[in-house]
C-alpha atoms as a PDB file:
ATOM      1  CA  MET A   1      53.285-108.098  67.238  1.00  0.00           C
ATOM      2  CA  GLU A   2      56.550-106.230  68.409  1.00  0.00           C
ATOM      3  CA  LEU A   3      57.328-103.162  66.704  1.00  0.00           C
ATOM      4  CA  ASN A   4      60.979-103.018  65.153  1.00  0.00           C
ATOM      5  CA  LYS A   5      63.343 -99.855  65.388  1.00  0.00           C
ATOM      6  CA  ASN A   6      62.338 -98.320  62.213  1.00  0.00           C
ATOM      7  CA  GLU A   7      58.447 -98.860  62.416  1.00  0.00           C
ATOM      8  CA  LYS A   8      58.419 -97.356  66.080  1.00  0.00           C
ATOM      9  CA  ILE A   9      60.593 -94.411  64.718  1.00  0.00           C
ATOM     10  CA  SER A  10      57.748 -94.241  61.536  1.00  0.00           C
ATOM     11  CA  VAL A  11      55.194 -94.350  64.559  1.00  0.00           C
ATOM     12  CA  LEU A  12      56.482 -91.164  66.514  1.00  0.00           C
ATOM     13  CA  LEU A  13      57.149 -89.272  63.333  1.00  0.00           C
ATOM     14  CA  ILE A  14      52.852 -89.720  62.633  1.00  0.00           C
ATOM     15  CA  VAL A  15      52.014 -89.670  66.030  1.00  0.00           C
ATOM     16  CA  LEU A  16      54.286 -86.541  67.490  1.00  0.00           C
ATOM     17  CA  PRO A  17      52.931 -83.623  64.735  1.00  0.00           C
ATOM     18  CA  ILE A  18      49.229 -84.785  65.969  1.00  0.00           C
ATOM     19  CA  LEU A  19      50.075 -84.383  69.313  1.00  0.00           C
ATOM     20  CA  ALA A  20      52.186 -81.588  69.178  1.00  0.00           C
ATOM     21  CA  ILE A  21      48.653 -79.779  67.296  1.00  0.00           C
ATOM     22  CA  ILE A  22      46.593 -81.127  69.891  1.00  0.00           C
ATOM     23  CA  PHE A  23      48.964 -79.856  72.740  1.00  0.00           C
ATOM     24  CA  PHE A  24      48.812 -76.060  71.304  1.00  0.00           C
ATOM     25  CA  PHE A  25      45.143 -75.976  69.925  1.00  0.00           C
ATOM     26  CA  PHE A  26      43.536 -77.369  73.098  1.00  0.00           C
ATOM     27  CA  TYR A  27      45.887 -77.483  76.339  1.00  0.00           C
ATOM     28  CA  TYR A  28      48.085 -74.299  75.413  1.00  0.00           C
ATOM     29  CA  CYS A  29      45.152 -72.177  73.665  1.00  0.00           C
ATOM     30  CA  ALA A  30      42.742 -73.005  76.785  1.00  0.00           C
ATOM     31  CA  GLY A  31      45.396 -72.300  79.368  1.00  0.00           C
ATOM     32  CA  TRP A  32      46.185 -68.695  77.589  1.00  0.00           C
ATOM     33  CA  ASN A  33      42.621 -68.062  77.697  1.00  0.00           C
ATOM     34  CA  PHE A  34      42.318 -68.973  81.060  1.00  0.00           C
ATOM     35  CA  PHE A  35      45.465 -66.874  81.929  1.00  0.00           C
ATOM     36  CA  ILE A  36      43.872 -63.777  79.866  1.00  0.00           C
ATOM     37  CA  SER A  37      40.849 -64.473  82.134  1.00  0.00           C
ATOM     38  CA  LEU A  38      42.716 -63.138  85.375  1.00  0.00           C
ATOM     39  CA  THR A  39      43.855 -60.177  83.781  1.00  0.00           C
ATOM     40  CA  ASP A  40      42.139 -56.433  83.560  1.00  0.00           C
ATOM     41  CA  TRP A  41      42.682 -56.787  79.594  1.00  0.00           C
ATOM     42  CA  LYS A  42      39.900 -53.979  78.194  1.00  0.00           C
ATOM     43  CA  GLY A  43      40.517 -52.352  75.368  1.00  0.00           C
ATOM     44  CA  PHE A  44      42.472 -53.097  71.712  1.00  0.00           C
ATOM     45  CA  ILE A  45      46.063 -53.159  73.418  1.00  0.00           C
ATOM     46  CA  PRO A  46      46.373 -55.797  75.629  1.00  0.00           C
ATOM     47  CA  THR A  47      47.267 -55.885  79.242  1.00  0.00           C
ATOM     48  CA  TYR A  48      48.397 -58.517  81.465  1.00  0.00           C
ATOM     49  CA  ASN A  49      47.714 -57.073  85.001  1.00  0.00           C
ATOM     50  CA  LEU A  50      46.504 -60.032  86.977  1.00  0.00           C
ATOM     51  CA  VAL A  51      43.389 -59.351  89.116  1.00  0.00           C
ATOM     52  CA  GLY A  52      42.163 -62.738  89.995  1.00  0.00           C
ATOM     53  CA  PHE A  53      39.015 -63.965  89.832  1.00  0.00           C
ATOM     54  CA  ARG A  54      37.618 -60.571  90.081  1.00  0.00           C
ATOM     55  CA  ASN A  55      36.561 -61.086  86.546  1.00  0.00           C
ATOM     56  CA  TYR A  56      34.177 -64.432  87.650  1.00  0.00           C
ATOM     57  CA  SER A  57      33.036 -62.528  90.704  1.00  0.00           C
ATOM     58  CA  SER A  58      31.545 -60.258  88.312  1.00  0.00           C
ATOM     59  CA  LEU A  59      30.108 -62.918  85.962  1.00  0.00           C
ATOM     60  CA  LEU A  60      28.230 -63.978  88.924  1.00  0.00           C
ATOM     61  CA  HIS A  61      26.024 -60.743  88.968  1.00  0.00           C
ATOM     62  CA  ASP A  62      25.661 -60.588  85.391  1.00  0.00           C
ATOM     63  CA  SER A  63      22.085 -61.019  84.421  1.00  0.00           C
ATOM     64  CA  ILE A  64      23.786 -61.372  80.579  1.00  0.00           C
ATOM     65  CA  PHE A  65      25.305 -64.573  82.298  1.00  0.00           C
ATOM     66  CA  TRP A  66      22.649 -66.273  83.787  1.00  0.00           C
ATOM     67  CA  THR A  67      20.079 -65.613  81.049  1.00  0.00           C
ATOM     68  CA  SER A  68      22.835 -66.931  78.338  1.00  0.00           C
ATOM     69  CA  LEU A  69      23.466 -70.015  80.641  1.00  0.00           C
ATOM     70  CA  LYS A  70      19.693 -70.539  80.854  1.00  0.00           C
ATOM     71  CA  ASN A  71      19.582 -70.313  76.928  1.00  0.00           C
ATOM     72  CA  ASN A  72      22.515 -72.864  76.336  1.00  0.00           C
ATOM     73  CA  LEU A  73      20.932 -75.394  79.184  1.00  0.00           C
ATOM     74  CA  LEU A  74      17.319 -75.049  77.122  1.00  0.00           C
ATOM     75  CA  LEU A  75      19.010 -76.269  74.284  1.00  0.00           C
ATOM     76  CA  ILE A  76      20.593 -79.063  76.421  1.00  0.00           C
ATOM     77  CA  VAL A  77      17.106 -79.925  77.793  1.00  0.00           C
ATOM     78  CA  ILE A  78      14.633 -79.609  74.924  1.00  0.00           C
ATOM     79  CA  PHE A  79      16.875 -79.742  71.262  1.00  0.00           C
ATOM     80  CA  VAL A  80      19.259 -82.756  72.025  1.00  0.00           C
ATOM     81  CA  PRO A  81      16.398 -84.964  73.341  1.00  0.00           C
ATOM     82  CA  GLY A  82      13.899 -83.469  70.737  1.00  0.00           C
ATOM     83  CA  VAL A  83      15.852 -84.064  67.853  1.00  0.00           C
ATOM     84  CA  ILE A  84      16.963 -87.402  68.783  1.00  0.00           C
ATOM     85  CA  LEU A  85      13.423 -88.736  69.451  1.00  0.00           C
ATOM     86  CA  ILE A  86      12.581 -87.117  65.836  1.00  0.00           C
ATOM     87  CA  GLY A  87      15.903 -89.031  64.120  1.00  0.00           C
ATOM     88  CA  LEU A  88      14.712 -92.108  66.086  1.00  0.00           C
ATOM     89  CA  ILE A  89      11.018 -92.311  64.744  1.00  0.00           C
ATOM     90  CA  PHE A  90      12.056 -91.431  61.301  1.00  0.00           C
ATOM     91  CA  ALA A  91      14.619 -94.039  61.284  1.00  0.00           C
ATOM     92  CA  ILE A  92      12.341 -96.816  61.861  1.00  0.00           C
ATOM     93  CA  LEU A  93       9.607 -95.205  59.565  1.00  0.00           C
ATOM     94  CA  ILE A  94      12.085 -95.220  56.902  1.00  0.00           C
ATOM     95  CA  ASP A  95      13.724 -99.241  58.014  1.00  0.00           C
ATOM     96  CA  GLN A  96      10.405-100.434  56.999  1.00  0.00           C
ATOM     97  CA  ARG A  97      11.952-100.670  53.368  1.00  0.00           C
ATOM     98  CA  VAL A  98       9.668 -98.052  51.905  1.00  0.00           C
ATOM     99  CA  LYS A  99       9.747 -97.585  48.024  1.00  0.00           C
ATOM    100  CA  GLY A 100      11.967 -94.698  46.909  1.00  0.00           C
ATOM    101  CA  GLU A 101      14.033 -95.121  50.646  1.00  0.00           C
ATOM    102  CA  GLY A 102      16.934 -93.428  49.315  1.00  0.00           C
ATOM    103  CA  ILE A 103      14.699 -90.262  48.082  1.00  0.00           C
ATOM    104  CA  PHE A 104      13.052 -90.081  51.690  1.00  0.00           C
ATOM    105  CA  ARG A 105      16.885 -90.007  53.347  1.00  0.00           C
ATOM    106  CA  THR A 106      17.892 -87.117  50.635  1.00  0.00           C
ATOM    107  CA  ILE A 107      14.779 -85.189  51.837  1.00  0.00           C
ATOM    108  CA  TYR A 108      15.482 -85.487  55.654  1.00  0.00           C
ATOM    109  CA  LEU A 109      19.501 -85.331  55.128  1.00  0.00           C
ATOM    110  CA  LEU A 110      19.529 -81.912  52.790  1.00  0.00           C
ATOM    111  CA  PRO A 111      18.459 -79.273  55.793  1.00  0.00           C
ATOM    112  CA  PHE A 112      21.627 -80.213  57.610  1.00  0.00           C
ATOM    113  CA  ALA A 113      23.703 -80.334  53.978  1.00  0.00           C
ATOM    114  CA  LEU A 114      22.899 -76.472  54.202  1.00  0.00           C
ATOM    115  CA  SER A 115      24.966 -73.986  55.491  1.00  0.00           C
ATOM    116  CA  PHE A 116      23.445 -72.366  59.180  1.00  0.00           C
ATOM    117  CA  VAL A 117      23.544 -69.101  57.811  1.00  0.00           C
ATOM    118  CA  VAL A 118      21.079 -69.999  54.651  1.00  0.00           C
ATOM    119  CA  THR A 119      18.652 -71.835  56.949  1.00  0.00           C
ATOM    120  CA  ALA A 120      18.994 -68.734  59.708  1.00  0.00           C
ATOM    121  CA  THR A 121      18.167 -66.698  56.997  1.00  0.00           C
ATOM    122  CA  LEU A 122      15.305 -68.765  55.422  1.00  0.00           C
ATOM    123  CA  TRP A 123      13.626 -69.030  59.183  1.00  0.00           C
ATOM    124  CA  THR A 124      14.384 -65.297  59.675  1.00  0.00           C
ATOM    125  CA  TRP A 125      11.852 -64.957  56.623  1.00  0.00           C
ATOM    126  CA  MET A 126       9.469 -67.622  57.541  1.00  0.00           C
ATOM    127  CA  TYR A 127       9.325 -66.201  61.374  1.00  0.00           C
ATOM    128  CA  SER A 128       8.814 -62.419  59.943  1.00  0.00           C
ATOM    129  CA  PRO A 129       5.864 -60.826  61.840  1.00  0.00           C
ATOM    130  CA  ARG A 130       4.553 -59.289  58.940  1.00  0.00           C
ATOM    131  CA  VAL A 131       5.469 -61.319  55.583  1.00  0.00           C
ATOM    132  CA  GLY A 132       6.612 -64.493  57.135  1.00  0.00           C
ATOM    133  CA  THR A 133       5.657 -67.533  55.881  1.00  0.00           C
ATOM    134  CA  ILE A 134       3.634 -68.596  59.245  1.00  0.00           C
ATOM    135  CA  ASN A 135       1.945 -65.858  59.587  1.00  0.00           C
ATOM    136  CA  VAL A 136       0.508 -65.777  55.879  1.00  0.00           C
ATOM    137  CA  LEU A 137      -0.594 -69.084  56.120  1.00  0.00           C
ATOM    138  CA  LEU A 138      -2.450 -68.585  59.427  1.00  0.00           C
ATOM    139  CA  GLU A 139      -4.096 -65.772  58.309  1.00  0.00           C
ATOM    140  CA  LYS A 140      -4.863 -67.682  54.891  1.00  0.00           C
ATOM    141  CA  LEU A 141      -6.525 -70.418  57.163  1.00  0.00           C
ATOM    142  CA  ARG A 142      -8.742 -67.903  59.004  1.00  0.00           C
ATOM    143  CA  LEU A 143      -6.108 -68.266  62.295  1.00  0.00           C
ATOM    144  CA  SER A 144      -5.067 -65.154  62.915  1.00  0.00           C
ATOM    145  CA  SER A 145      -5.935 -65.140  66.389  1.00  0.00           C
ATOM    146  CA  LEU A 146      -2.271 -67.481  66.307  1.00  0.00           C
ATOM    147  CA  LYS A 147      -0.166 -65.002  64.505  1.00  0.00           C
ATOM    148  CA  SER A 148       2.716 -63.949  66.660  1.00  0.00           C
ATOM    149  CA  GLY A 149       5.863 -62.111  66.576  1.00  0.00           C
ATOM    150  CA  TRP A 150       7.552 -65.210  66.817  1.00  0.00           C
ATOM    151  CA  ILE A 151      11.516 -64.527  67.166  1.00  0.00           C
ATOM    152  CA  THR A 152      10.478 -60.798  68.266  1.00  0.00           C
ATOM    153  CA  GLU A 153       8.690 -62.278  70.985  1.00  0.00           C
ATOM    154  CA  PRO A 154      10.907 -62.779  74.486  1.00  0.00           C
ATOM    155  CA  ASN A 155       9.066 -65.161  75.849  1.00  0.00           C
ATOM    156  CA  ILE A 156       8.939 -68.128  73.056  1.00  0.00           C
ATOM    157  CA  VAL A 157      11.880 -67.020  70.759  1.00  0.00           C
ATOM    158  CA  MET A 158      14.008 -69.449  72.056  1.00  0.00           C
ATOM    159  CA  TYR A 159      11.306 -71.920  71.659  1.00  0.00           C
ATOM    160  CA  CYS A 160      11.156 -70.941  68.046  1.00  0.00           C
ATOM    161  CA  ILE A 161      14.883 -71.058  67.447  1.00  0.00           C
ATOM    162  CA  ILE A 162      14.712 -74.473  68.815  1.00  0.00           C
ATOM    163  CA  THR A 163      12.095 -75.480  66.807  1.00  0.00           C
ATOM    164  CA  ALA A 164      14.165 -74.433  63.503  1.00  0.00           C
ATOM    165  CA  LEU A 165      17.455 -76.611  64.910  1.00  0.00           C
ATOM    166  CA  ILE A 166      15.381 -79.457  65.639  1.00  0.00           C
ATOM    167  CA  TRP A 167      14.156 -79.134  61.676  1.00  0.00           C
ATOM    168  CA  GLN A 168      17.904 -78.709  60.681  1.00  0.00           C
ATOM    169  CA  PHE A 169      19.703 -81.619  62.681  1.00  0.00           C
ATOM    170  CA  ALA A 170      16.836 -83.966  62.481  1.00  0.00           C
ATOM    171  CA  GLY A 171      17.769 -85.321  58.837  1.00  0.00           C
ATOM    172  CA  TYR A 172      21.204 -86.104  60.302  1.00  0.00           C
ATOM    173  CA  SER A 173      19.747 -87.792  63.529  1.00  0.00           C
ATOM    174  CA  VAL A 174      17.670 -89.955  61.412  1.00  0.00           C
ATOM    175  CA  ILE A 175      21.200 -91.455  59.443  1.00  0.00           C
ATOM    176  CA  ILE A 176      22.821 -91.917  62.601  1.00  0.00           C
ATOM    177  CA  PHE A 177      20.161 -94.299  63.831  1.00  0.00           C
ATOM    178  CA  LEU A 178      19.398 -95.938  60.295  1.00  0.00           C
ATOM    179  CA  GLY A 179      22.541 -96.902  60.383  1.00  0.00           C
ATOM    180  CA  GLY A 180      22.740 -98.233  64.050  1.00  0.00           C
ATOM    181  CA  ILE A 181      19.769-100.475  63.209  1.00  0.00           C
ATOM    182  CA  ARG A 182      21.282-101.636  59.992  1.00  0.00           C
ATOM    183  CA  SER A 183      24.046-102.708  62.005  1.00  0.00           C
ATOM    184  CA  ILE A 184      21.919-105.150  63.852  1.00  0.00           C
ATOM    185  CA  PRO A 185      22.143-108.636  63.048  1.00  0.00           C
ATOM    186  CA  GLU A 186      19.487-110.362  61.264  1.00  0.00           C
ATOM    187  CA  SER A 187      19.512-113.037  63.224  1.00  0.00           C
ATOM    188  CA  HIS A 188      18.536-111.216  66.245  1.00  0.00           C
ATOM    189  CA  THR A 189      15.544-109.787  64.681  1.00  0.00           C
ATOM    190  CA  GLU A 190      14.521-113.206  62.778  1.00  0.00           C
ATOM    191  CA  ALA A 191      13.990-115.121  65.808  1.00  0.00           C
ATOM    192  CA  ALA A 192      12.563-112.606  67.506  1.00  0.00           C
ATOM    193  CA  LYS A 193       9.632-112.978  64.414  1.00  0.00           C
ATOM    194  CA  VAL A 194       9.403-116.575  64.366  1.00  0.00           C
ATOM    195  CA  ASP A 195       8.786-116.250  67.827  1.00  0.00           C
ATOM    196  CA  GLY A 196       5.664-114.016  66.868  1.00  0.00           C
ATOM    197  CA  ALA A 197       6.749-110.837  68.104  1.00  0.00           C
ATOM    198  CA  SER A 198       5.398-107.664  66.535  1.00  0.00           C
ATOM    199  CA  SER A 199       6.679-104.828  65.016  1.00  0.00           C
ATOM    200  CA  PHE A 200       5.947-102.772  68.048  1.00  0.00           C
ATOM    201  CA  THR A 201       7.694-105.374  70.789  1.00  0.00           C
ATOM    202  CA  LEU A 202      10.457-105.899  67.711  1.00  0.00           C
ATOM    203  CA  TYR A 203      11.802-102.609  68.458  1.00  0.00           C
ATOM    204  CA  THR A 204      11.214-101.787  71.783  1.00  0.00           C
ATOM    205  CA  ARG A 205      12.483-105.031  72.954  1.00  0.00           C
ATOM    206  CA  ILE A 206      14.828-106.033  70.489  1.00  0.00           C
ATOM    207  CA  ILE A 207      16.026-103.248  68.322  1.00  0.00           C
ATOM    208  CA  ILE A 208      15.918 -99.917  70.300  1.00  0.00           C
ATOM    209  CA  PRO A 209      17.962-101.430  73.348  1.00  0.00           C
ATOM    210  CA  GLN A 210      20.802-102.614  70.714  1.00  0.00           C
ATOM    211  CA  LEU A 211      21.093 -98.591  70.032  1.00  0.00           C
ATOM    212  CA  THR A 212      23.048 -97.654  73.159  1.00  0.00           C
ATOM    213  CA  GLY A 213      25.929 -96.435  70.279  1.00  0.00           C
ATOM    214  CA  SER A 214      23.886 -94.345  68.551  1.00  0.00           C
ATOM    215  CA  PHE A 215      21.975 -92.729  71.232  1.00  0.00           C
ATOM    216  CA  MET A 216      25.724 -91.775  72.558  1.00  0.00           C
ATOM    217  CA  THR A 217      27.083 -90.770  69.131  1.00  0.00           C
ATOM    218  CA  GLY A 218      23.601 -88.549  68.812  1.00  0.00           C
ATOM    219  CA  PHE A 219      23.765 -87.260  72.453  1.00  0.00           C
ATOM    220  CA  ILE A 220      27.602 -86.180  72.010  1.00  0.00           C
ATOM    221  CA  ILE A 221      27.299 -84.568  68.559  1.00  0.00           C
ATOM    222  CA  PHE A 222      24.436 -82.340  69.601  1.00  0.00           C
ATOM    223  CA  MET A 223      25.555 -81.477  72.777  1.00  0.00           C
ATOM    224  CA  CYS A 224      28.504 -80.143  71.150  1.00  0.00           C
ATOM    225  CA  PHE A 225      25.924 -78.052  69.016  1.00  0.00           C
ATOM    226  CA  ALA A 226      23.716 -76.788  71.758  1.00  0.00           C
ATOM    227  CA  ILE A 227      26.736 -75.575  73.690  1.00  0.00           C
ATOM    228  CA  LYS A 228      28.151 -73.316  70.518  1.00  0.00           C
ATOM    229  CA  ALA A 229      25.444 -72.823  68.829  1.00  0.00           C
ATOM    230  CA  PHE A 230      26.690 -69.617  67.981  1.00  0.00           C
ATOM    231  CA  ASP A 231      26.192 -68.927  63.986  1.00  0.00           C
ATOM    232  CA  PHE A 232      22.556 -69.982  63.442  1.00  0.00           C
ATOM    233  CA  ILE A 233      21.483 -67.586  66.373  1.00  0.00           C
ATOM    234  CA  TRP A 234      23.333 -64.993  65.176  1.00  0.00           C
ATOM    235  CA  VAL A 235      22.069 -64.913  61.790  1.00  0.00           C
ATOM    236  CA  LEU A 236      18.627 -65.683  62.920  1.00  0.00           C
ATOM    237  CA  ASN A 237      18.329 -62.219  65.187  1.00  0.00           C
ATOM    238  CA  LYS A 238      21.584 -61.761  66.779  1.00  0.00           C
ATOM    239  CA  GLY A 239      20.473 -63.089  70.480  1.00  0.00           C
ATOM    240  CA  GLY A 240      17.278 -60.629  70.158  1.00  0.00           C
ATOM    241  CA  PRO A 241      15.166 -59.107  70.978  1.00  0.00           C
ATOM    242  CA  GLY A 242      17.565 -57.462  73.695  1.00  0.00           C
ATOM    243  CA  TYR A 243      19.578 -60.018  75.000  1.00  0.00           C
ATOM    244  CA  THR A 244      16.586 -63.091  75.509  1.00  0.00           C
ATOM    245  CA  SER A 245      17.892 -65.496  73.297  1.00  0.00           C
ATOM    246  CA  HIS A 246      21.743 -64.740  74.059  1.00  0.00           C
ATOM    247  CA  ILE A 247      23.521 -68.097  74.880  1.00  0.00           C
ATOM    248  CA  LEU A 248      27.255 -67.980  76.371  1.00  0.00           C
ATOM    249  CA  GLY A 249      29.068 -68.129  72.570  1.00  0.00           C
ATOM    250  CA  ILE A 250      27.257 -64.739  71.844  1.00  0.00           C
ATOM    251  CA  ALA A 251      27.856 -63.339  74.960  1.00  0.00           C
ATOM    252  CA  MET A 252      31.579 -63.879  74.611  1.00  0.00           C
ATOM    253  CA  TYR A 253      31.213 -62.727  70.962  1.00  0.00           C
ATOM    254  CA  LYS A 254      29.811 -59.243  72.053  1.00  0.00           C
ATOM    255  CA  GLU A 255      32.055 -58.931  75.239  1.00  0.00           C
ATOM    256  CA  THR A 256      35.573 -59.701  73.394  1.00  0.00           C
ATOM    257  CA  PHE A 257      34.947 -58.449  69.536  1.00  0.00           C
ATOM    258  CA  VAL A 258      32.073 -55.761  70.129  1.00  0.00           C
ATOM    259  CA  LEU A 259      32.697 -54.184  73.482  1.00  0.00           C
ATOM    260  CA  ASP A 260      36.531 -55.056  73.438  1.00  0.00           C
ATOM    261  CA  LYS A 261      36.511 -56.256  77.006  1.00  0.00           C
ATOM    262  CA  TYR A 262      38.751 -59.345  76.303  1.00  0.00           C
ATOM    263  CA  ALA A 263      39.328 -60.451  79.627  1.00  0.00           C
ATOM    264  CA  TYR A 264      35.820 -60.643  80.549  1.00  0.00           C
ATOM    265  CA  GLY A 265      34.896 -62.140  77.110  1.00  0.00           C
ATOM    266  CA  ALA A 266      37.690 -64.780  77.946  1.00  0.00           C
ATOM    267  CA  VAL A 267      35.741 -65.516  81.076  1.00  0.00           C
ATOM    268  CA  TYR A 268      32.853 -66.541  78.825  1.00  0.00           C
ATOM    269  CA  SER A 269      34.949 -68.722  76.579  1.00  0.00           C
ATOM    270  CA  THR A 270      36.432 -70.847  80.029  1.00  0.00           C
ATOM    271  CA  ILE A 271      32.989 -71.322  81.277  1.00  0.00           C
ATOM    272  CA  ILE A 272      31.494 -72.547  77.974  1.00  0.00           C
ATOM    273  CA  PHE A 273      34.838 -74.686  77.926  1.00  0.00           C
ATOM    274  CA  LEU A 274      34.381 -76.361  81.392  1.00  0.00           C
ATOM    275  CA  LEU A 275      30.315 -76.569  80.780  1.00  0.00           C
ATOM    276  CA  SER A 276      31.632 -79.149  77.835  1.00  0.00           C
ATOM    277  CA  ILE A 277      34.168 -81.017  80.020  1.00  0.00           C
ATOM    278  CA  VAL A 278      31.582 -81.590  82.224  1.00  0.00           C
ATOM    279  CA  ILE A 279      29.015 -82.857  79.996  1.00  0.00           C
ATOM    280  CA  ILE A 280      31.125 -84.717  77.638  1.00  0.00           C
ATOM    281  CA  ILE A 281      33.637 -86.200  79.576  1.00  0.00           C
ATOM    282  CA  PRO A 282      31.278 -88.334  81.234  1.00  0.00           C
ATOM    283  CA  LEU A 283      29.926 -89.659  77.780  1.00  0.00           C
ATOM    284  CA  LEU A 284      33.218 -90.595  76.905  1.00  0.00           C
ATOM    285  CA  TYR A 285      34.345 -92.760  79.677  1.00  0.00           C
ATOM    286  CA  LEU A 286      30.569 -94.464  79.403  1.00  0.00           C
ATOM    287  CA  ILE A 287      30.988 -94.812  75.926  1.00  0.00           C
ATOM    288  CA  HIS A 288      35.048 -96.421  76.723  1.00  0.00           C
ATOM    289  CA  ARG A 289      33.522 -98.603  79.536  1.00  0.00           C
ATOM    290  CA  ARG A 290      31.026 -99.976  76.857  1.00  0.00           C
ATOM    291  CA  GLU A 291      33.710-100.814  74.796  1.00  0.00           C
ATOM    292  CA  LYS A 292      35.767-102.626  77.387  1.00  0.00           C
ATOM    293  CA  LEU A 293      32.427-104.944  78.209  1.00  0.00           C
ATOM    294  CA  LYS A 294      31.756-106.049  74.649  1.00  0.00           C
END
């Protein structure tokens, strides 16, 4: 149906402010950040002397950058699949129409409803080497040999962080997959049951293949957090010990607001932006293509 003149004007009045806001906060700010990364701005007073890609060249020889990038990739490789898998398993368990389903959903979702500052503080206490819940419990169980410094140990600190993050996001992942399972028409599953399909076959052959949308949604959401997981890690241990649990966001924050190296911090911001684009854009394209094929 073609819109008349007044309707077109109304649409423009609604859409143009939104486009202007998107343009300013996304394209303009991203462009300005890239420009700053090409300058020598260091210190509180801004300077805009262009130095080209010298800051980017310095980044390639920066051990903190490579550690931060490695940790971000570790979050992507372990945290994202881990939270998706656990969410899928618990969603299938809840789908068995267990009694008190609403209570279980609330319990699973509660950690995600809490502030990252609150949960990070909680896990800091649990991981405490001397009085932490985990070490105290291991001692009570006569498993003192398993006690560790946890987030003070450089070799395992990232795995401790990933474990805590999976705990926080698992409930949200459950809701995503449970919603996907419940949206599948009953006729699809009833036909399989009539043919004598077992529960395992029903989920592996019928239900899970139809959860592509849930997988894509969860993947994008958790991927975005894996790239910019700043507040949780900062409150937990400030990226320590040393810089062994730094991610790009923490390195960017320290370079910009602690060391006042604004141009160098802008380089980190640009890398985070490019990493997000490289990962997210192909996923959005796949989702768009999938919707067109429906």
